[in-house]
Protein backbone atom coordinates (compact mmCIF):
# COMPACT_ATOMS: atom_id res chain seq x y z
CA MET A 1 17.60 28.34 -1.67
CA LEU A 2 15.03 30.77 -0.30
CA ALA A 3 17.10 33.67 -1.58
CA GLY A 4 17.10 32.18 -5.06
CA ALA A 5 20.75 31.11 -5.23
CA ALA A 6 19.74 27.59 -6.34
CA GLY A 7 17.28 28.84 -8.96
CA PRO A 8 13.55 29.66 -9.03
CA ALA A 9 12.35 26.04 -8.79
CA ALA A 10 14.25 25.36 -5.57
CA GLN A 11 13.16 28.76 -4.27
CA ARG A 12 9.49 27.90 -4.78
CA ALA A 13 9.93 24.43 -3.31
CA ILE A 14 11.78 25.48 -0.16
CA ASP A 15 9.28 28.29 0.48
CA GLN A 16 6.44 25.76 0.52
CA GLN A 17 8.43 23.41 2.75
CA ILE A 18 9.17 26.20 5.23
CA ARG A 19 5.43 26.84 5.51
CA VAL A 20 4.80 23.16 6.24
CA GLY A 21 7.64 23.07 8.75
CA ARG A 22 6.31 26.08 10.61
CA PHE A 23 2.82 24.54 10.74
CA PHE A 24 4.21 21.39 12.40
CA GLY A 25 6.68 23.25 14.63
CA ALA A 26 9.76 21.80 12.93
CA PRO A 27 13.01 23.36 14.22
CA ASP A 28 14.95 22.79 10.98
CA PHE A 29 15.34 20.55 7.95
CA VAL A 30 16.85 17.09 7.57
CA PRO A 31 18.50 15.85 4.36
CA VAL A 32 16.75 12.87 2.73
CA ALA A 33 18.35 9.90 0.99
CA SER A 34 15.52 9.37 -1.50
CA VAL A 35 12.02 10.43 -2.53
CA HIS A 36 9.01 8.35 -3.57
CA LEU A 37 6.40 10.42 -5.36
CA ALA A 38 2.72 9.69 -5.97
CA ALA A 39 1.67 11.57 -9.13
CA ASP A 40 -1.08 9.83 -11.10
CA ALA A 41 -3.48 11.41 -13.57
CA GLU A 42 -6.68 10.65 -11.67
CA ALA A 43 -5.42 12.45 -8.56
CA MET A 44 -3.58 15.32 -10.27
CA ARG A 45 -5.97 16.16 -13.12
CA GLU A 46 -5.18 19.14 -15.33
CA SER A 47 -4.35 21.61 -12.54
CA GLY A 48 -1.88 19.29 -10.85
CA VAL A 49 -0.13 18.49 -14.10
CA ARG A 50 0.27 22.21 -14.81
CA VAL A 51 1.95 22.71 -11.42
CA LEU A 52 4.39 19.91 -12.21
CA GLU A 53 5.13 21.30 -15.67
CA GLU A 54 5.62 24.80 -14.27
CA LEU A 55 8.25 23.50 -11.88
CA VAL A 56 10.05 21.73 -14.74
CA ASN A 57 9.95 24.93 -16.80
CA LEU A 58 11.59 26.73 -13.88
CA GLY A 59 14.54 24.36 -14.22
CA ALA A 60 13.74 21.88 -11.45
CA THR A 61 15.77 18.71 -11.14
CA CYS A 62 15.82 15.88 -8.61
CA ARG A 63 18.65 16.31 -6.10
CA VAL A 64 18.21 12.78 -4.72
CA PRO A 65 17.07 9.45 -6.22
CA THR A 66 13.33 9.71 -6.87
CA THR A 67 10.97 6.86 -7.71
CA ILE A 68 7.38 7.14 -8.91
CA ASN A 69 4.18 5.45 -7.74
CA PRO A 70 1.77 3.57 -10.09
CA ARG A 71 -0.06 5.27 -12.95
CA SER A 72 -3.77 5.57 -13.70
CA VAL A 73 -3.51 3.90 -17.09
CA GLU A 74 -1.58 1.03 -18.59
CA LEU A 75 -0.62 2.32 -22.01
CA ALA A 76 -0.81 -1.11 -23.62
CA ARG A 77 -4.38 -1.84 -22.42
CA TRP A 78 -6.23 1.42 -21.82
CA ALA A 79 -8.40 1.09 -24.93
CA GLU A 80 -9.16 -2.56 -24.20
CA LEU A 81 -10.21 -1.63 -20.66
CA GLY A 82 -12.34 1.25 -21.90
CA GLN A 83 -10.46 4.07 -20.19
CA GLU A 84 -10.78 7.62 -21.45
CA ARG A 85 -8.17 9.09 -23.78
CA ARG A 86 -7.84 12.23 -21.65
CA TYR A 87 -6.22 10.21 -18.87
CA VAL A 88 -3.75 8.73 -21.34
CA ASP A 89 -2.80 12.22 -22.48
CA LEU A 90 -2.41 13.46 -18.91
CA GLU A 91 -0.24 10.47 -18.02
CA ALA A 92 2.00 11.13 -21.02
CA ARG A 93 2.51 14.71 -19.84
CA ILE A 94 3.19 13.57 -16.27
CA VAL A 95 5.72 10.96 -17.31
CA GLY A 96 7.43 13.45 -19.65
CA ALA A 97 7.74 16.03 -16.88
CA LEU A 98 8.99 13.52 -14.33
CA GLU A 99 11.60 12.19 -16.73
CA ALA A 100 12.71 15.79 -17.37
CA LEU A 101 13.16 16.13 -13.60
CA GLY A 102 15.37 13.05 -13.61
CA ALA A 103 12.96 10.83 -11.69
CA LEU A 104 12.81 7.07 -12.22
CA THR A 105 9.34 6.42 -13.64
CA LEU A 106 9.15 2.84 -12.35
CA ASN A 107 5.39 3.16 -11.70
CA THR A 108 5.42 0.97 -8.61
CA CYS A 109 4.18 1.11 -5.02
CA VAL A 110 6.73 -1.53 -3.96
CA ASN A 111 9.91 0.38 -4.78
CA TYR A 112 11.34 -1.10 -1.58
CA GLN A 113 11.03 -4.60 -3.10
CA ILE A 114 12.66 -3.62 -6.38
CA VAL A 115 15.24 -0.82 -6.37
CA SER A 116 15.03 1.32 -3.25
CA GLN A 117 15.46 -0.67 -0.06
CA PRO A 118 15.85 1.94 2.70
CA LEU A 119 18.50 1.66 5.39
CA PHE A 120 18.03 1.79 9.15
CA GLY A 121 17.93 5.37 10.46
CA GLU A 122 17.90 6.87 6.96
CA HIS A 123 15.65 9.90 6.41
CA LEU A 124 13.28 9.74 3.44
CA ALA A 125 10.53 11.74 1.76
CA TRP A 126 8.13 9.02 0.64
CA GLY A 127 4.53 9.56 -0.33
CA ASP A 128 2.60 6.32 -0.78
CA THR A 129 1.22 5.18 2.57
CA GLY A 130 2.19 1.55 2.03
CA THR A 131 5.78 2.48 1.19
CA VAL A 132 6.08 4.81 4.18
CA ILE A 133 4.87 2.32 6.77
CA TRP A 134 7.18 -0.34 5.30
CA ALA A 135 10.18 1.99 5.42
CA ASN A 136 9.44 3.16 8.95
CA SER A 137 8.51 -0.19 10.44
CA VAL A 138 10.35 -2.95 8.59
CA ALA A 139 13.52 -1.05 7.64
CA GLY A 140 13.65 1.40 10.54
CA ALA A 141 14.07 4.34 8.15
CA ARG A 142 12.28 7.64 8.82
CA SER A 143 9.55 9.33 6.78
CA ASN A 144 6.22 11.05 7.21
CA PHE A 145 3.40 10.62 4.72
CA GLU A 146 4.51 13.14 2.08
CA ALA A 147 1.65 14.15 -0.21
CA GLY A 148 2.36 14.53 -3.93
CA PRO A 149 3.40 18.21 -3.92
CA ALA A 150 5.40 17.80 -0.69
CA ALA A 151 7.35 14.84 -2.09
CA LEU A 152 7.92 16.76 -5.34
CA TYR A 153 9.38 19.70 -3.43
CA ALA A 154 11.57 17.33 -1.40
CA ALA A 155 12.96 15.89 -4.62
CA VAL A 156 13.91 19.40 -5.74
CA THR A 157 15.45 20.50 -2.42
CA GLY A 158 16.76 17.18 -1.10
CA ARG A 159 15.34 17.73 2.38
CA VAL A 160 12.17 17.83 4.49
CA PRO A 161 11.12 19.61 7.68
CA ARG A 162 12.23 17.70 10.79
CA TYR A 163 8.99 16.74 12.54
CA GLY A 164 6.83 13.67 13.13
CA TYR A 165 8.44 10.34 12.34
CA HIS A 166 11.85 11.89 11.78
CA LEU A 167 12.02 12.41 15.57
CA ASP A 168 12.98 9.78 18.15
CA GLU A 169 10.10 10.64 20.46
CA GLN A 170 7.42 10.13 17.77
CA ARG A 171 8.70 6.64 16.98
CA ARG A 172 8.08 5.22 20.44
CA GLY A 173 5.18 2.84 20.85
CA THR A 174 1.93 4.14 22.32
CA VAL A 175 -0.56 1.25 22.04
CA LEU A 176 0.12 -2.30 23.25
CA VAL A 177 -1.65 -4.87 21.04
CA ARG A 178 -1.72 -8.44 22.36
CA VAL A 179 -2.30 -10.71 19.38
CA ARG A 180 -3.80 -14.09 20.30
CA ASP A 181 -5.02 -15.06 16.84
CA HIS A 182 -2.70 -16.70 14.32
CA PRO A 183 -2.28 -15.19 10.82
CA ARG A 184 -1.05 -17.80 8.35
CA THR A 185 -1.38 -16.22 4.90
CA ALA A 186 -0.52 -12.78 3.57
CA ALA A 187 -4.25 -11.98 3.46
CA ASP A 188 -4.51 -12.98 7.14
CA TRP A 189 -1.82 -10.44 7.97
CA GLY A 190 -3.86 -7.88 6.04
CA ALA A 191 -6.92 -8.86 8.09
CA LEU A 192 -4.88 -8.33 11.25
CA GLY A 193 -3.88 -4.87 10.03
CA CYS A 194 -7.52 -4.11 9.26
CA ALA A 195 -8.65 -5.20 12.72
CA ILE A 196 -5.96 -3.21 14.54
CA GLY A 197 -6.10 -0.15 12.27
CA ARG A 198 -9.82 0.28 12.83
CA ARG A 199 -9.23 0.29 16.59
CA VAL A 200 -6.24 2.63 16.71
CA ASP A 201 -7.13 4.99 13.82
CA ASP A 202 -4.72 7.87 14.56
CA TYR A 203 -1.68 8.89 12.52
CA TRP A 204 0.24 9.90 15.63
CA GLN A 205 -0.26 6.58 17.43
CA VAL A 206 2.25 3.70 17.16
CA PRO A 207 0.92 0.19 17.86
CA VAL A 208 3.29 -2.40 19.34
CA LEU A 209 2.24 -5.94 18.43
CA VAL A 210 3.08 -8.69 20.88
CA PHE A 211 2.10 -12.22 19.88
CA ALA A 212 0.91 -14.12 22.92
CA PRO A 213 0.69 -17.92 23.19
CA PRO A 214 -0.54 -19.86 21.35
CA ALA A 215 -0.21 -17.42 18.44
CA GLY A 216 3.45 -16.46 18.71
CA PRO A 217 6.21 -15.97 18.05
CA PRO A 218 5.55 -14.95 14.44
CA ARG A 219 7.95 -15.32 11.53
CA PRO A 220 6.25 -13.27 8.81
CA THR A 221 7.58 -13.08 5.27
CA PRO A 222 8.29 -9.71 3.64
CA ASP A 223 5.03 -9.98 1.66
CA GLN A 224 3.07 -10.70 4.82
CA LEU A 225 4.60 -7.63 6.48
CA LYS A 226 3.73 -5.67 3.34
CA GLN A 227 0.05 -6.59 3.70
CA LEU A 228 0.05 -5.90 7.45
CA GLY A 229 1.54 -2.44 6.96
CA ALA A 230 -0.65 -1.53 4.00
CA ALA A 231 -3.79 -2.42 5.97
CA LEU A 232 -2.66 -0.57 9.10
CA ALA A 233 -2.00 2.52 6.98
CA SER A 234 -5.29 2.22 5.10
CA TYR A 235 -7.67 1.53 8.00
CA GLY A 236 -5.81 3.43 10.72
CA SER A 237 -3.80 6.13 8.90
CA LEU A 238 -0.81 4.64 10.73
CA ALA A 239 2.74 5.37 9.58
CA LEU A 240 4.67 3.06 11.93
CA PHE A 241 4.16 -0.19 13.81
CA HIS A 242 6.48 -2.28 15.92
CA LEU A 243 6.32 -6.08 15.88
CA VAL A 244 8.24 -7.32 18.90
CA GLY A 245 11.05 -9.68 17.95
CA VAL A 246 10.71 -8.87 14.24
CA THR A 247 11.04 -5.16 13.41
CA PRO A 248 14.35 -3.42 14.15
CA GLU A 249 13.20 -0.92 16.78
CA ALA A 250 11.36 -3.58 18.79
CA ARG A 251 13.79 -6.25 19.88
CA THR A 252 11.78 -6.15 23.10
CA ALA A 253 8.51 -4.51 24.10
CA GLU A 254 10.41 -2.27 26.49
CA GLU A 255 12.60 -1.02 23.64
CA ALA A 256 9.55 -0.40 21.44
CA PHE A 257 7.91 1.76 24.13
CA GLY A 258 11.16 3.54 25.02
CA GLY A 259 10.80 2.43 28.61
CA ALA A 260 7.40 4.16 29.01
CA ALA A 261 4.05 2.56 29.77
CA PRO A 262 1.58 2.14 26.89
CA GLN A 263 -1.19 4.72 26.66
CA ARG A 264 -3.71 2.05 25.59
CA GLU A 265 -3.95 -1.71 25.48
CA LEU A 266 -5.86 -3.80 22.94
CA ASP A 267 -6.49 -7.52 22.68
CA VAL A 268 -6.86 -9.47 19.43
CA PRO A 269 -8.63 -12.65 20.57
CA PRO A 270 -8.79 -16.00 18.79
CA GLY A 271 -11.33 -15.74 15.97
CA ALA A 272 -10.70 -12.05 15.31
CA LEU A 273 -9.37 -12.70 11.83
CA ALA A 274 -12.38 -14.83 10.90
CA GLU A 275 -14.66 -12.07 12.16
CA THR A 276 -12.76 -9.50 10.08
CA TYR A 277 -13.28 -11.50 6.89
CA ALA A 278 -16.92 -12.15 7.80
CA GLY A 279 -17.50 -8.40 8.07
CA PHE A 280 -17.16 -8.14 4.29
CA VAL A 281 -20.56 -9.56 3.36
CA PRO A 282 -21.25 -10.29 -0.34
CA LEU A 283 -24.33 -8.81 -1.99
CA GLY A 284 -24.85 -12.19 -3.65
CA ASP A 285 -22.98 -15.28 -4.76
CA ALA A 286 -21.96 -14.15 -8.27
CA VAL A 287 -18.34 -13.00 -8.71
CA GLU A 288 -18.00 -10.18 -11.25
CA LEU A 289 -14.47 -8.89 -10.64
CA VAL A 290 -11.44 -10.28 -8.78
CA VAL A 291 -8.35 -8.12 -8.27
CA PHE A 292 -4.94 -9.20 -6.94
CA GLY A 293 -2.09 -6.82 -6.28
CA THR A 294 -2.61 -3.94 -3.85
CA PRO A 295 0.21 -3.23 -3.11
CA GLN A 296 1.54 -4.50 -6.42
CA LEU A 297 2.43 -8.18 -6.60
CA SER A 298 5.95 -9.27 -5.77
CA LEU A 299 7.54 -12.03 -7.82
CA PHE A 300 6.75 -14.54 -5.06
CA GLU A 301 3.09 -13.50 -4.94
CA PHE A 302 2.92 -13.74 -8.74
CA ARG A 303 4.44 -17.22 -8.57
CA ASP A 304 1.94 -18.36 -5.96
CA LEU A 305 -0.97 -17.13 -8.08
CA ALA A 306 0.43 -18.99 -11.10
CA ARG A 307 0.48 -22.18 -9.03
CA LEU A 308 -3.12 -21.65 -7.92
CA PHE A 309 -4.37 -20.90 -11.46
CA LYS A 310 -2.37 -23.60 -13.25
CA GLY A 311 -4.60 -25.93 -15.28
CA ARG A 312 -7.75 -23.99 -14.38
CA ARG A 313 -10.00 -21.51 -16.14
CA VAL A 314 -11.64 -18.29 -14.99
CA HIS A 315 -15.43 -18.39 -15.25
CA PRO A 316 -16.75 -16.58 -18.37
CA ARG A 317 -18.75 -14.06 -16.33
CA THR A 318 -15.77 -13.10 -14.12
CA ARG A 319 -12.94 -10.64 -14.85
CA VAL A 320 -9.62 -11.18 -13.07
CA PHE A 321 -6.87 -8.53 -12.89
CA LEU A 322 -3.35 -8.95 -11.52
CA THR A 323 -1.48 -5.67 -10.99
CA THR A 324 2.29 -5.63 -10.72
CA SER A 325 5.39 -3.66 -11.68
CA ASP A 326 7.13 -3.77 -15.03
CA ALA A 327 10.19 -5.22 -13.30
CA VAL A 328 8.29 -8.14 -11.75
CA LYS A 329 6.33 -8.86 -14.91
CA GLY A 330 9.53 -9.05 -16.92
CA VAL A 331 10.86 -11.82 -14.70
CA ALA A 332 7.42 -13.47 -14.48
CA ASP A 333 7.36 -13.58 -18.28
CA ARG A 334 10.74 -15.31 -18.38
CA LEU A 335 9.79 -17.83 -15.69
CA GLY A 336 6.49 -18.69 -17.35
CA TYR A 337 4.21 -17.36 -14.61
CA THR A 338 2.54 -14.82 -16.90
CA ARG A 339 1.73 -17.46 -19.48
CA VAL A 340 0.04 -19.64 -16.84
CA VAL A 341 -2.25 -16.95 -15.42
CA GLU A 342 -3.15 -15.60 -18.86
CA ALA A 343 -3.94 -19.12 -20.07
CA ALA A 344 -6.36 -19.32 -17.15
CA GLY A 345 -8.09 -16.17 -18.39
CA ALA A 346 -6.62 -13.56 -16.04
CA THR A 347 -5.34 -10.18 -17.25
CA VAL A 348 -1.95 -8.88 -16.07
CA LEU A 349 -1.70 -5.10 -15.74
CA THR A 350 1.66 -3.41 -15.17
CA GLY A 351 2.57 -0.08 -13.62
CA VAL A 352 -0.89 0.45 -12.14
CA CYS A 353 -2.99 -0.24 -9.05
CA TYR A 354 -6.69 -0.81 -9.58
CA TYR A 355 -8.06 1.85 -7.26
CA ILE A 356 -6.23 4.66 -9.11
CA MET A 357 -7.21 3.29 -12.56
CA THR A 358 -10.27 5.55 -12.86
CA ALA A 359 -12.11 2.81 -10.99
CA ARG A 360 -15.45 4.62 -10.91
CA GLU A 361 -15.47 5.01 -14.68
CA LEU A 362 -14.51 1.34 -15.15
CA ALA A 363 -17.39 0.27 -12.91
CA ALA A 364 -19.85 2.33 -14.95
CA ARG A 365 -18.50 1.04 -18.27
CA HIS A 366 -18.39 -2.66 -17.35
CA GLY A 367 -21.20 -2.85 -14.81
CA PHE A 368 -18.87 -3.82 -11.96
CA ARG A 369 -20.49 -3.70 -8.53
CA THR A 370 -18.84 -6.32 -6.32
CA LEU A 371 -15.06 -6.57 -6.16
CA LEU A 372 -13.46 -9.66 -4.60
CA THR A 373 -9.85 -9.29 -3.45
CA ASP A 374 -7.23 -10.74 -1.12
CA SER A 375 -6.01 -7.22 -0.32
CA ALA A 376 -7.40 -5.65 2.84
CA LYS A 377 -6.16 -2.26 1.64
CA LEU A 378 -8.00 -2.47 -1.69
CA ALA A 379 -11.17 -3.67 0.06
CA ASN A 380 -11.09 -0.49 2.14
CA ILE A 381 -10.29 2.03 -0.57
CA ILE A 382 -12.48 0.68 -3.37
CA SER A 383 -15.73 1.26 -1.48
CA GLY A 384 -15.10 4.97 -1.93
CA TYR A 385 -15.43 4.42 -5.70
CA GLY A 386 -18.88 2.88 -5.42
CA TYR A 387 -17.88 -0.79 -5.29
CA HIS A 388 -19.05 -3.39 -2.79
CA PRO A 389 -15.81 -5.03 -1.54
CA VAL A 390 -15.46 -8.64 -0.44
CA PHE A 391 -12.16 -9.50 1.25
CA ARG A 392 -11.05 -13.13 1.35
CA PRO A 393 -7.77 -15.16 1.37
CA THR A 394 -5.92 -15.64 -1.93
CA ALA A 395 -6.77 -19.30 -2.53
CA LEU A 396 -10.46 -18.66 -1.93
CA CYS A 397 -10.38 -15.72 -4.36
CA VAL A 398 -8.89 -17.98 -7.04
CA ASP A 399 -11.48 -20.68 -6.38
CA ALA A 400 -14.30 -18.12 -6.63
CA ALA A 401 -12.88 -16.65 -9.83
CA CYS A 402 -12.84 -20.09 -11.46
CA ALA A 403 -16.26 -21.08 -10.14
CA GLY A 404 -17.82 -17.70 -10.87
CA THR A 405 -19.50 -17.84 -7.47
CA LEU A 406 -18.85 -17.71 -3.76
CA ALA A 407 -21.52 -20.32 -3.11
CA GLY A 408 -20.31 -23.59 -1.64
CA LEU A 409 -16.81 -22.35 -0.81
CA PRO A 410 -15.38 -22.88 2.70
CA PRO A 411 -15.15 -20.01 5.22
CA ALA A 412 -12.21 -17.64 4.95
CA VAL A 413 -10.74 -18.87 8.24
CA ALA A 414 -11.87 -21.85 10.30
CA PRO A 415 -13.59 -20.54 13.45
CA PRO A 416 -11.82 -21.20 16.75
CA ALA A 417 -12.84 -24.21 18.77
CA GLY A 418 -14.72 -24.03 22.03
CA PRO A 419 -17.92 -22.39 23.24
CA GLY A 420 -17.90 -18.63 22.90
CA ALA A 421 -14.48 -18.58 21.23
CA GLY A 422 -13.90 -15.50 19.13
CA ARG A 423 -16.63 -13.52 20.88
CA GLU A 424 -14.48 -11.79 23.46
CA ALA A 425 -14.82 -8.03 23.64
CA TRP A 426 -11.78 -6.05 22.59
CA SER A 427 -10.50 -4.07 25.55
């Protein structure tokens, strides 16, 4: 490829990958089974789109199955939302170029829940942090965080440099986390990821979660693991976690650590989840904007929201957005879930995630300041766009959306019983 035998596009791509590999001390390349590429208009802008189009003009094609992350605009609603036409035009160029490459423009950050479930031990070149930590942790596949250009080059060459989480030694646990609180909802698992991610906060560290009595043993659903991983990646830049007795490389703690002793130990005491929620303090009681779906809603999450909104009405001063994939919405339409949430006054957006939807411009146009969400990941990211985030469980977010206020609602999580409970220092 470097000599040009596979064409100029592959030559350019492999040259860039060799530079990355040398930087990280990679001995060689490893073939990948699939690519997941983040390439939205807000991140790429004009210069990034030109790079993509140049590669297409050089004859680039995808050597392996390639899926695409969410977009910055929903073509059916951009004018209604007040987004700028220039982003629509950029997205059209991006989608055209990606389709010319042969990529599947599914516009989803939950490809693993729809079309691309990775296999144990499989090497990947995935770019969205939530997809990578799912693949590494829940499936036992192998990927680093591949930025947009890196994932694009991997699609063209079908390989990545062998370093980081492609190596056995990097996948061993480093931090023992004793969990003594009890997550019940998907948002609670996101709160747990928030609490742990803030403490570990190092891409090269691998937390091993052990649920101690009375919290364990856990039996999380796929959506709960999705929220845990997304929060760990967002707050801690983590690409892999082990949950003893649940994830495939952690049948035991000893297996997760590869027989070595942990480098650090952390304790998640009773009440830690309640304290995590309480750390997101509202500016006031009024609820301006409520967003569900970061990562995008699965069909089960969509169903649960339909049940919570059924027969109710969103307060006139509150906007509610649900973000999901085209695939999930199609089934939700057929099952009647979409009709229920829209009858309640919520807006369903497909192929997007709110924080990449030119969120700063939307805030300026609509006067949004506070954003209420059941996604720990969104609560973290959206503050960088000038919003004040409030993170609460799903049912409470629905109640607040319908009431138009947080006043009079119960706490996110009931505090633990007993004097001093929940006030233990984290070791």
